[in-house]
Each structure stands twice: as structure tokens, then as C-alpha cells.
Amino acid sequence: MMGKILQLKNVKVIANKQTLLDIADFSLDQGDVVGVIGPNGAGKSTLLKVLSYLQAPTEGEVMYKGEAKHSDHLDLALRRRFAVALQQSLLFDTTVYDNVAIGLKLRKVNKKVISEQVSYWLEKFQISHLAKKNAKSLSGGEAQRVNLARALILDPEVLFLDEPFSALDFPTKAQLIKDFNEILKDTNTTTLFVSHDLLEIRHLTKSLAVIIDGKLQQSGSTKAVIEHPNEAAAPFLNKWKELYTF
């Protein structure tokens, strides 16, 4: 049964007397892939941190399946329902295999299961040939594939992505987005994808939220928002639409 996994209600994040985020209502539904787009400094990453319980809001509630949960009172089982992949892959100075396996090892999963799961996800991301290579020697695209495999091997209920492709050159980015899009379709993983790039958003997401000045300016299906931006969202979205043919 589909339903809301996470929801924000009257959430504000205030730092140094500045309002970084002011969201009256925002929800993430099971199986959805939601893009969050906006200019630099708009509050996108703050939204991701609040939804993933990495940052407590100054005001308001973060609801998990209809129940208010607070980041300082979360039990380990709930934290393990989420996985986060950042722009910087932050890989350990060890093999690709060990980097992908680390989360399952920390959870004390059976070694045979770890081996099977690592092999599966290395193959999914087409990096099986890199298994014994040191992760610090990888190219940017290879490192990000390892980073994403390391997140998805945990079978998260919600996957949070914070601009994971922004540091990649265009051909590398385009191929990884294509491959990752297929993986998301296969796994039906509920995903929140933060980006400032409309091209990434268009290819990966089903729904789109436009954040500007810390506020939700427009939301809806990705296609509808891109084709029919409202007055608040149009100046930002139209700049991207001038660059690409949609």
C-alpha cells in the first residue's frame, strides 16, 4: 500500500537569525523519486538533512509514517531505514569491495550474504572489475558508482542523494544518470534527489519540488512543473530550459 513515508509540517530552520528553511508542508511518498531543485543557497541540502534526521528543525515536526519523530530520540532501527549519498564520495582508503561491504559488516551480516550482495551491486553498477582496486585511485565517475552501491546495498527505505553527479564531467554524468535511472526503476527505491541541474532532475525524477529562498515555491509531477512553472519558479527554471531542449 502506497503512503507517506516522511512529511514536514510547519518546519523552520533558523541559524544566526537567518531563516534557511520555511516549509509548511512537504511529503515523500513510498516509491516516489522526488527531485528538489533550486539555486545555490536555496535550502535544498537543509531540506534533505531535516528529512533524513541529520539536522533537527528549529520549529515544526518531522513525521515518519504519520508519527512525529525527533532526531535526538531516534532508535538505531529507524536510522538504518535511510541511506545518504553525498556529492563527495568520501570513500575509505581500502578496496572497492570493502567500501561497498562496510555497511553490512557494521551490521554484522553473515559473510556469505555480504559477498553475494557486494557482487550483486558491483555488477549492477558495472564495476565488478574494480573490486580489488583501491578506492582512492578511482576516477570521479567510478568513485560515485561505488558510493551509490555502498548506499543501495543497505536496502534503504529512503535513499537521499545530495548532488552526487555535480562534480562529474558531462559524458561521465550522462552515462551514470542513465544507468542509475534503470537501477531506481528496478528497485523502486523511494528517493529524494537534490540538484541544481534541471537536466539531472528531468531524467531521474517523477516529482519535482522547487525551493527558492528556503521556501517551497512549486511542486508536482516533474513534467508538469517543468512545462508549466508558476510565477515564482519560472525565472529559475526558464534559465535551464534555455540551455536544453525539453
C-alpha atoms as a PDB file:
ATOM      1  CA  MET A   1       0.000   0.000   0.000  1.00  0.00           C
ATOM      2  CA  MET A   2       1.378   3.371  -1.003  1.00  0.00           C
ATOM      3  CA  GLY A   3       1.532   6.184   1.519  1.00  0.00           C
ATOM      4  CA  LYS A   4       3.572   8.964   3.025  1.00  0.00           C
ATOM      5  CA  ILE A   5       6.885   7.814   4.484  1.00  0.00           C
ATOM      6  CA  LEU A   6       8.156  11.227   5.558  1.00  0.00           C
ATOM      7  CA  GLN A   7       6.390  14.541   5.991  1.00  0.00           C
ATOM      8  CA  LEU A   8       7.356  18.003   7.190  1.00  0.00           C
ATOM      9  CA  LYS A   9       4.789  20.149   8.990  1.00  0.00           C
ATOM     10  CA  ASN A  10       5.420  23.848   9.623  1.00  0.00           C
ATOM     11  CA  VAL A  11       9.174  23.311   9.620  1.00  0.00           C
ATOM     12  CA  LYS A  12      11.608  26.182  10.016  1.00  0.00           C
ATOM     13  CA  VAL A  13      15.382  26.085  10.261  1.00  0.00           C
ATOM     14  CA  ILE A  14      16.911  29.269  11.639  1.00  0.00           C
ATOM     15  CA  ALA A  15      20.641  29.882  12.054  1.00  0.00           C
ATOM     16  CA  ASN A  16      22.333  33.152  13.039  1.00  0.00           C
ATOM     17  CA  LYS A  17      18.928  34.854  12.917  1.00  0.00           C
ATOM     18  CA  GLN A  18      18.557  33.838   9.275  1.00  0.00           C
ATOM     19  CA  THR A  19      15.732  31.564   8.091  1.00  0.00           C
ATOM     20  CA  LEU A  20      17.310  28.830   5.971  1.00  0.00           C
ATOM     21  CA  LEU A  21      14.141  26.806   5.515  1.00  0.00           C
ATOM     22  CA  ASP A  22      10.452  27.603   5.904  1.00  0.00           C
ATOM     23  CA  ILE A  23       8.237  24.750   4.727  1.00  0.00           C
ATOM     24  CA  ALA A  24       4.573  24.497   5.741  1.00  0.00           C
ATOM     25  CA  ASP A  25       4.018  21.045   4.248  1.00  0.00           C
ATOM     26  CA  PHE A  26       6.160  18.619   2.275  1.00  0.00           C
ATOM     27  CA  SER A  27       5.874  14.853   1.945  1.00  0.00           C
ATOM     28  CA  LEU A  28       7.768  11.950   0.440  1.00  0.00           C
ATOM     29  CA  ASP A  29       5.562   9.082  -0.751  1.00  0.00           C
ATOM     30  CA  GLN A  30       6.547   5.444  -0.925  1.00  0.00           C
ATOM     31  CA  GLY A  31       8.109   4.521  -4.272  1.00  0.00           C
ATOM     32  CA  ASP A  32       8.416   8.109  -5.470  1.00  0.00           C
ATOM     33  CA  VAL A  33      11.605   9.653  -6.810  1.00  0.00           C
ATOM     34  CA  VAL A  34      11.391  13.322  -5.863  1.00  0.00           C
ATOM     35  CA  GLY A  35      13.714  15.948  -7.229  1.00  0.00           C
ATOM     36  CA  VAL A  36      14.480  19.057  -5.220  1.00  0.00           C
ATOM     37  CA  ILE A  37      15.856  21.857  -7.354  1.00  0.00           C
ATOM     38  CA  GLY A  38      16.806  25.462  -6.757  1.00  0.00           C
ATOM     39  CA  PRO A  39      19.737  27.861  -6.937  1.00  0.00           C
ATOM     40  CA  ASN A  40      22.788  27.576  -4.703  1.00  0.00           C
ATOM     41  CA  GLY A  41      21.953  28.527  -1.124  1.00  0.00           C
ATOM     42  CA  ALA A  42      18.213  27.962  -1.633  1.00  0.00           C
ATOM     43  CA  GLY A  43      17.876  25.496   1.251  1.00  0.00           C
ATOM     44  CA  LYS A  44      17.900  22.215  -0.726  1.00  0.00           C
ATOM     45  CA  SER A  45      20.560  20.474   1.339  1.00  0.00           C
ATOM     46  CA  THR A  46      18.991  21.740   4.558  1.00  0.00           C
ATOM     47  CA  LEU A  47      15.703  20.152   3.482  1.00  0.00           C
ATOM     48  CA  LEU A  48      17.490  16.854   2.851  1.00  0.00           C
ATOM     49  CA  LYS A  49      19.207  16.945   6.242  1.00  0.00           C
ATOM     50  CA  VAL A  50      15.963  17.640   8.073  1.00  0.00           C
ATOM     51  CA  LEU A  51      14.053  14.888   6.240  1.00  0.00           C
ATOM     52  CA  SER A  52      16.833  12.357   6.873  1.00  0.00           C
ATOM     53  CA  TYR A  53      17.023  13.330  10.561  1.00  0.00           C
ATOM     54  CA  LEU A  54      20.593  14.571  10.205  1.00  0.00           C
ATOM     55  CA  GLN A  55      19.504  18.036  11.369  1.00  0.00           C
ATOM     56  CA  ALA A  56      16.754  18.964  13.794  1.00  0.00           C
ATOM     57  CA  PRO A  57      14.429  21.783  12.712  1.00  0.00           C
ATOM     58  CA  THR A  58      14.196  24.932  14.813  1.00  0.00           C
ATOM     59  CA  GLU A  59      10.410  24.698  14.645  1.00  0.00           C
ATOM     60  CA  GLY A  60       7.862  22.201  13.377  1.00  0.00           C
ATOM     61  CA  GLU A  61       7.572  18.422  13.101  1.00  0.00           C
ATOM     62  CA  VAL A  62       9.205  15.711  11.020  1.00  0.00           C
ATOM     63  CA  MET A  63       6.760  12.833  10.655  1.00  0.00           C
ATOM     64  CA  TYR A  64       7.728   9.232   9.899  1.00  0.00           C
ATOM     65  CA  LYS A  65       4.688   7.279   8.659  1.00  0.00           C
ATOM     66  CA  GLY A  66       2.366   9.715  10.407  1.00  0.00           C
ATOM     67  CA  GLU A  67       4.202   9.809  13.725  1.00  0.00           C
ATOM     68  CA  ALA A  68       6.372  12.712  14.885  1.00  0.00           C
ATOM     69  CA  LYS A  69       9.975  11.602  15.413  1.00  0.00           C
ATOM     70  CA  HIS A  70      12.815  13.717  16.761  1.00  0.00           C
ATOM     71  CA  SER A  71      16.392  13.307  15.580  1.00  0.00           C
ATOM     72  CA  ASP A  72      17.816  13.134  19.107  1.00  0.00           C
ATOM     73  CA  HIS A  73      15.450  10.303  20.071  1.00  0.00           C
ATOM     74  CA  LEU A  74      15.688   8.054  17.010  1.00  0.00           C
ATOM     75  CA  ASP A  75      16.426   4.415  17.634  1.00  0.00           C
ATOM     76  CA  LEU A  76      19.063   2.594  15.588  1.00  0.00           C
ATOM     77  CA  ALA A  77      16.471   0.547  13.702  1.00  0.00           C
ATOM     78  CA  LEU A  78      14.849   3.708  12.322  1.00  0.00           C
ATOM     79  CA  ARG A  79      18.149   5.319  11.385  1.00  0.00           C
ATOM     80  CA  ARG A  80      19.004   2.206   9.408  1.00  0.00           C
ATOM     81  CA  ARG A  81      15.959   2.737   7.205  1.00  0.00           C
ATOM     82  CA  PHE A  82      17.740   5.645   5.489  1.00  0.00           C
ATOM     83  CA  ALA A  83      20.875   5.936   3.366  1.00  0.00           C
ATOM     84  CA  VAL A  84      22.578   9.138   2.213  1.00  0.00           C
ATOM     85  CA  ALA A  85      24.966   9.655  -0.720  1.00  0.00           C
ATOM     86  CA  LEU A  86      26.730  12.994  -0.965  1.00  0.00           C
ATOM     87  CA  GLN A  87      28.469  14.955  -3.718  1.00  0.00           C
ATOM     88  CA  GLN A  88      31.846  13.890  -2.353  1.00  0.00           C
ATOM     89  CA  SER A  89      32.046  10.101  -2.277  1.00  0.00           C
ATOM     90  CA  LEU A  90      34.188  10.030   0.913  1.00  0.00           C
ATOM     91  CA  LEU A  91      35.499   6.546   0.209  1.00  0.00           C
ATOM     92  CA  PHE A  92      37.767   4.711   2.623  1.00  0.00           C
ATOM     93  CA  ASP A  93      41.419   4.038   1.768  1.00  0.00           C
ATOM     94  CA  THR A  94      40.786   0.371   1.053  1.00  0.00           C
ATOM     95  CA  THR A  95      39.442  -1.781  -1.774  1.00  0.00           C
ATOM     96  CA  VAL A  96      36.251  -1.107  -3.666  1.00  0.00           C
ATOM     97  CA  TYR A  97      34.878  -4.388  -2.309  1.00  0.00           C
ATOM     98  CA  ASP A  98      35.498  -3.343   1.296  1.00  0.00           C
ATOM     99  CA  ASN A  99      33.972   0.089   0.714  1.00  0.00           C
ATOM    100  CA  VAL A 100      30.745  -1.399  -0.607  1.00  0.00           C
ATOM    101  CA  ALA A 101      30.691  -4.055   2.126  1.00  0.00           C
ATOM    102  CA  ILE A 102      31.323  -1.737   5.090  1.00  0.00           C
ATOM    103  CA  GLY A 103      27.688  -1.047   5.973  1.00  0.00           C
ATOM    104  CA  LEU A 104      26.759  -4.725   6.062  1.00  0.00           C
ATOM    105  CA  LYS A 105      29.871  -5.556   8.073  1.00  0.00           C
ATOM    106  CA  LEU A 106      28.919  -2.959  10.673  1.00  0.00           C
ATOM    107  CA  ARG A 107      25.509  -4.590  10.866  1.00  0.00           C
ATOM    108  CA  LYS A 108      27.238  -7.955  11.432  1.00  0.00           C
ATOM    109  CA  VAL A 109      25.627  -9.552   8.392  1.00  0.00           C
ATOM    110  CA  ASN A 110      26.743 -13.096   7.531  1.00  0.00           C
ATOM    111  CA  LYS A 111      29.927 -13.125   5.430  1.00  0.00           C
ATOM    112  CA  LYS A 112      28.353 -15.221   2.677  1.00  0.00           C
ATOM    113  CA  VAL A 113      25.444 -12.805   2.384  1.00  0.00           C
ATOM    114  CA  ILE A 114      27.875  -9.863   2.307  1.00  0.00           C
ATOM    115  CA  SER A 115      29.833 -11.491  -0.514  1.00  0.00           C
ATOM    116  CA  GLU A 116      26.655 -12.175  -2.509  1.00  0.00           C
ATOM    117  CA  GLN A 117      25.311  -8.663  -2.004  1.00  0.00           C
ATOM    118  CA  VAL A 118      28.583  -6.919  -2.833  1.00  0.00           C
ATOM    119  CA  SER A 119      28.931  -8.968  -6.019  1.00  0.00           C
ATOM    120  CA  TYR A 120      25.346  -8.141  -6.972  1.00  0.00           C
ATOM    121  CA  TRP A 121      25.736  -4.382  -6.516  1.00  0.00           C
ATOM    122  CA  LEU A 122      29.163  -4.208  -8.147  1.00  0.00           C
ATOM    123  CA  GLU A 123      27.627  -5.890 -11.172  1.00  0.00           C
ATOM    124  CA  LYS A 124      24.581  -3.591 -11.082  1.00  0.00           C
ATOM    125  CA  PHE A 125      26.841  -0.542 -11.273  1.00  0.00           C
ATOM    126  CA  GLN A 126      29.168  -2.215 -13.796  1.00  0.00           C
ATOM    127  CA  ILE A 127      32.232  -2.002 -11.539  1.00  0.00           C
ATOM    128  CA  SER A 128      32.881  -5.688 -10.785  1.00  0.00           C
ATOM    129  CA  HIS A 129      36.293  -5.369 -12.429  1.00  0.00           C
ATOM    130  CA  LEU A 130      37.261  -2.754  -9.825  1.00  0.00           C
ATOM    131  CA  ALA A 131      36.536  -4.932  -6.777  1.00  0.00           C
ATOM    132  CA  LYS A 132      40.185  -5.328  -5.720  1.00  0.00           C
ATOM    133  CA  LYS A 133      41.256  -1.818  -6.699  1.00  0.00           C
ATOM    134  CA  ASN A 134      41.967   0.813  -4.050  1.00  0.00           C
ATOM    135  CA  ALA A 135      39.001   3.186  -3.911  1.00  0.00           C
ATOM    136  CA  LYS A 136      41.255   6.235  -3.614  1.00  0.00           C
ATOM    137  CA  SER A 137      42.660   5.561  -7.096  1.00  0.00           C
ATOM    138  CA  LEU A 138      39.302   5.662  -8.888  1.00  0.00           C
ATOM    139  CA  SER A 139      38.086   8.254 -11.355  1.00  0.00           C
ATOM    140  CA  GLY A 140      35.231  10.546 -10.309  1.00  0.00           C
ATOM    141  CA  GLY A 141      32.589   8.506 -12.113  1.00  0.00           C
ATOM    142  CA  GLU A 142      33.918   5.210 -10.734  1.00  0.00           C
ATOM    143  CA  ALA A 143      34.033   6.602  -7.209  1.00  0.00           C
ATOM    144  CA  GLN A 144      30.442   7.799  -7.423  1.00  0.00           C
ATOM    145  CA  ARG A 145      29.300   4.377  -8.643  1.00  0.00           C
ATOM    146  CA  VAL A 146      30.963   2.858  -5.573  1.00  0.00           C
ATOM    147  CA  ASN A 147      29.337   5.495  -3.380  1.00  0.00           C
ATOM    148  CA  LEU A 148      25.868   4.705  -4.746  1.00  0.00           C
ATOM    149  CA  ALA A 149      26.413   0.943  -4.491  1.00  0.00           C
ATOM    150  CA  ARG A 150      27.505   1.403  -0.874  1.00  0.00           C
ATOM    151  CA  ALA A 151      24.217   3.179  -0.147  1.00  0.00           C
ATOM    152  CA  LEU A 152      21.881   0.823  -2.021  1.00  0.00           C
ATOM    153  CA  ILE A 153      23.408  -2.374  -0.632  1.00  0.00           C
ATOM    154  CA  LEU A 154      21.811  -1.359   2.684  1.00  0.00           C
ATOM    155  CA  ASP A 155      18.359  -1.757   1.085  1.00  0.00           C
ATOM    156  CA  PRO A 156      17.218   1.622   2.430  1.00  0.00           C
ATOM    157  CA  GLU A 157      13.571   2.500   2.784  1.00  0.00           C
ATOM    158  CA  VAL A 158      14.539   6.006   1.659  1.00  0.00           C
ATOM    159  CA  LEU A 159      17.631   6.990  -0.323  1.00  0.00           C
ATOM    160  CA  PHE A 160      18.812  10.601  -0.033  1.00  0.00           C
ATOM    161  CA  LEU A 161      21.095  11.987  -2.751  1.00  0.00           C
ATOM    162  CA  ASP A 162      22.769  15.377  -2.365  1.00  0.00           C
ATOM    163  CA  GLU A 163      24.083  16.473  -5.785  1.00  0.00           C
ATOM    164  CA  PRO A 164      26.018  13.220  -6.366  1.00  0.00           C
ATOM    165  CA  PHE A 165      26.754  14.000 -10.028  1.00  0.00           C
ATOM    166  CA  SER A 166      27.696  17.674  -9.882  1.00  0.00           C
ATOM    167  CA  ALA A 167      31.479  17.134  -9.885  1.00  0.00           C
ATOM    168  CA  LEU A 168      31.464  14.822 -12.906  1.00  0.00           C
ATOM    169  CA  ASP A 169      32.216  15.752 -16.500  1.00  0.00           C
ATOM    170  CA  PHE A 170      29.214  15.689 -18.817  1.00  0.00           C
ATOM    171  CA  PRO A 171      29.807  12.337 -20.627  1.00  0.00           C
ATOM    172  CA  THR A 172      30.509  10.554 -17.329  1.00  0.00           C
ATOM    173  CA  LYS A 173      27.482  12.181 -15.707  1.00  0.00           C
ATOM    174  CA  ALA A 174      25.171  11.320 -18.611  1.00  0.00           C
ATOM    175  CA  GLN A 175      26.129   7.624 -18.584  1.00  0.00           C
ATOM    176  CA  LEU A 176      25.873   7.305 -14.799  1.00  0.00           C
ATOM    177  CA  ILE A 177      22.467   9.007 -14.758  1.00  0.00           C
ATOM    178  CA  LYS A 178      21.240   6.602 -17.439  1.00  0.00           C
ATOM    179  CA  ASP A 179      22.497   3.551 -15.544  1.00  0.00           C
ATOM    180  CA  PHE A 180      21.267   4.811 -12.173  1.00  0.00           C
ATOM    181  CA  ASN A 181      17.827   5.576 -13.577  1.00  0.00           C
ATOM    182  CA  GLU A 182      17.449   1.928 -14.564  1.00  0.00           C
ATOM    183  CA  ILE A 183      18.539   0.810 -11.102  1.00  0.00           C
ATOM    184  CA  LEU A 184      15.978   3.053  -9.418  1.00  0.00           C
ATOM    185  CA  LYS A 185      13.255   1.619 -11.662  1.00  0.00           C
ATOM    186  CA  ASP A 186      14.331  -1.938 -10.857  1.00  0.00           C
ATOM    187  CA  THR A 187      14.498  -1.417  -7.102  1.00  0.00           C
ATOM    188  CA  ASN A 188      11.554   1.004  -6.727  1.00  0.00           C
ATOM    189  CA  THR A 189      13.561   2.738  -4.013  1.00  0.00           C
ATOM    190  CA  THR A 190      11.925   5.830  -2.541  1.00  0.00           C
ATOM    191  CA  THR A 191      14.413   8.605  -3.308  1.00  0.00           C
ATOM    192  CA  LEU A 192      14.937  12.283  -2.599  1.00  0.00           C
ATOM    193  CA  PHE A 193      17.361  13.744  -5.124  1.00  0.00           C
ATOM    194  CA  VAL A 194      18.776  17.222  -4.548  1.00  0.00           C
ATOM    195  CA  SER A 195      20.269  19.069  -7.509  1.00  0.00           C
ATOM    196  CA  HIS A 196      20.597  22.492  -9.075  1.00  0.00           C
ATOM    197  CA  ASP A 197      20.716  20.939 -12.569  1.00  0.00           C
ATOM    198  CA  LEU A 198      17.394  20.551 -14.380  1.00  0.00           C
ATOM    199  CA  LEU A 199      18.849  18.014 -16.824  1.00  0.00           C
ATOM    200  CA  GLU A 200      19.627  15.596 -13.967  1.00  0.00           C
ATOM    201  CA  ILE A 201      16.217  16.176 -12.421  1.00  0.00           C
ATOM    202  CA  ARG A 202      14.359  15.606 -15.677  1.00  0.00           C
ATOM    203  CA  HIS A 203      15.964  12.216 -16.313  1.00  0.00           C
ATOM    204  CA  LEU A 204      15.797  10.791 -12.804  1.00  0.00           C
ATOM    205  CA  THR A 205      12.701  12.025 -11.004  1.00  0.00           C
ATOM    206  CA  LYS A 206       8.935  11.530 -11.117  1.00  0.00           C
ATOM    207  CA  SER A 207       8.047  14.508  -8.925  1.00  0.00           C
ATOM    208  CA  LEU A 208       9.668  17.888  -8.531  1.00  0.00           C
ATOM    209  CA  ALA A 209       9.861  20.479  -5.782  1.00  0.00           C
ATOM    210  CA  VAL A 210      11.303  23.925  -6.467  1.00  0.00           C
ATOM    211  CA  ILE A 211      12.972  25.526  -3.447  1.00  0.00           C
ATOM    212  CA  ILE A 212      13.951  29.201  -3.583  1.00  0.00           C
ATOM    213  CA  ASP A 213      14.918  31.348  -0.596  1.00  0.00           C
ATOM    214  CA  GLY A 214      14.182  28.464   1.751  1.00  0.00           C
ATOM    215  CA  LYS A 215      10.554  28.138   0.639  1.00  0.00           C
ATOM    216  CA  LEU A 216       8.687  25.604  -1.452  1.00  0.00           C
ATOM    217  CA  GLN A 217       7.695  27.632  -4.493  1.00  0.00           C
ATOM    218  CA  GLN A 218       6.111  24.880  -6.596  1.00  0.00           C
ATOM    219  CA  SER A 219       5.662  21.110  -6.559  1.00  0.00           C
ATOM    220  CA  GLY A 220       4.024  18.470  -8.723  1.00  0.00           C
ATOM    221  CA  SER A 221       4.972  15.977 -11.400  1.00  0.00           C
ATOM    222  CA  THR A 222       8.369  16.729 -12.900  1.00  0.00           C
ATOM    223  CA  LYS A 223       6.893  17.109 -16.383  1.00  0.00           C
ATOM    224  CA  ALA A 224       4.129  19.475 -15.235  1.00  0.00           C
ATOM    225  CA  VAL A 225       6.428  21.726 -13.204  1.00  0.00           C
ATOM    226  CA  ILE A 226       8.994  21.992 -15.996  1.00  0.00           C
ATOM    227  CA  GLU A 227       6.401  22.692 -18.676  1.00  0.00           C
ATOM    228  CA  HIS A 228       4.206  24.975 -16.588  1.00  0.00           C
ATOM    229  CA  PRO A 229       6.278  26.744 -13.936  1.00  0.00           C
ATOM    230  CA  ASN A 230       4.452  29.248 -11.791  1.00  0.00           C
ATOM    231  CA  GLU A 231       5.498  32.867 -11.393  1.00  0.00           C
ATOM    232  CA  ALA A 232       7.867  32.149  -8.501  1.00  0.00           C
ATOM    233  CA  ALA A 233       9.613  29.154 -10.096  1.00  0.00           C
ATOM    234  CA  ALA A 234       9.721  30.352 -13.711  1.00  0.00           C
ATOM    235  CA  PRO A 235      12.789  32.655 -13.548  1.00  0.00           C
ATOM    236  CA  PHE A 236      14.993  29.821 -12.280  1.00  0.00           C
ATOM    237  CA  LEU A 237      13.564  27.009 -14.414  1.00  0.00           C
ATOM    238  CA  ASN A 238      13.466  29.053 -17.615  1.00  0.00           C
ATOM    239  CA  LYS A 239      17.212  29.711 -17.388  1.00  0.00           C
ATOM    240  CA  TRP A 240      17.789  25.949 -17.609  1.00  0.00           C
ATOM    241  CA  LYS A 241      15.191  25.480 -20.327  1.00  0.00           C
ATOM    242  CA  GLU A 242      17.076  27.993 -22.455  1.00  0.00           C
ATOM    243  CA  LEU A 243      20.168  25.754 -22.249  1.00  0.00           C
ATOM    244  CA  TYR A 244      18.450  22.487 -23.110  1.00  0.00           C
ATOM    245  CA  THR A 245      15.654  21.359 -25.400  1.00  0.00           C
ATOM    246  CA  PHE A 246      12.914  19.776 -23.292  1.00  0.00           C
END
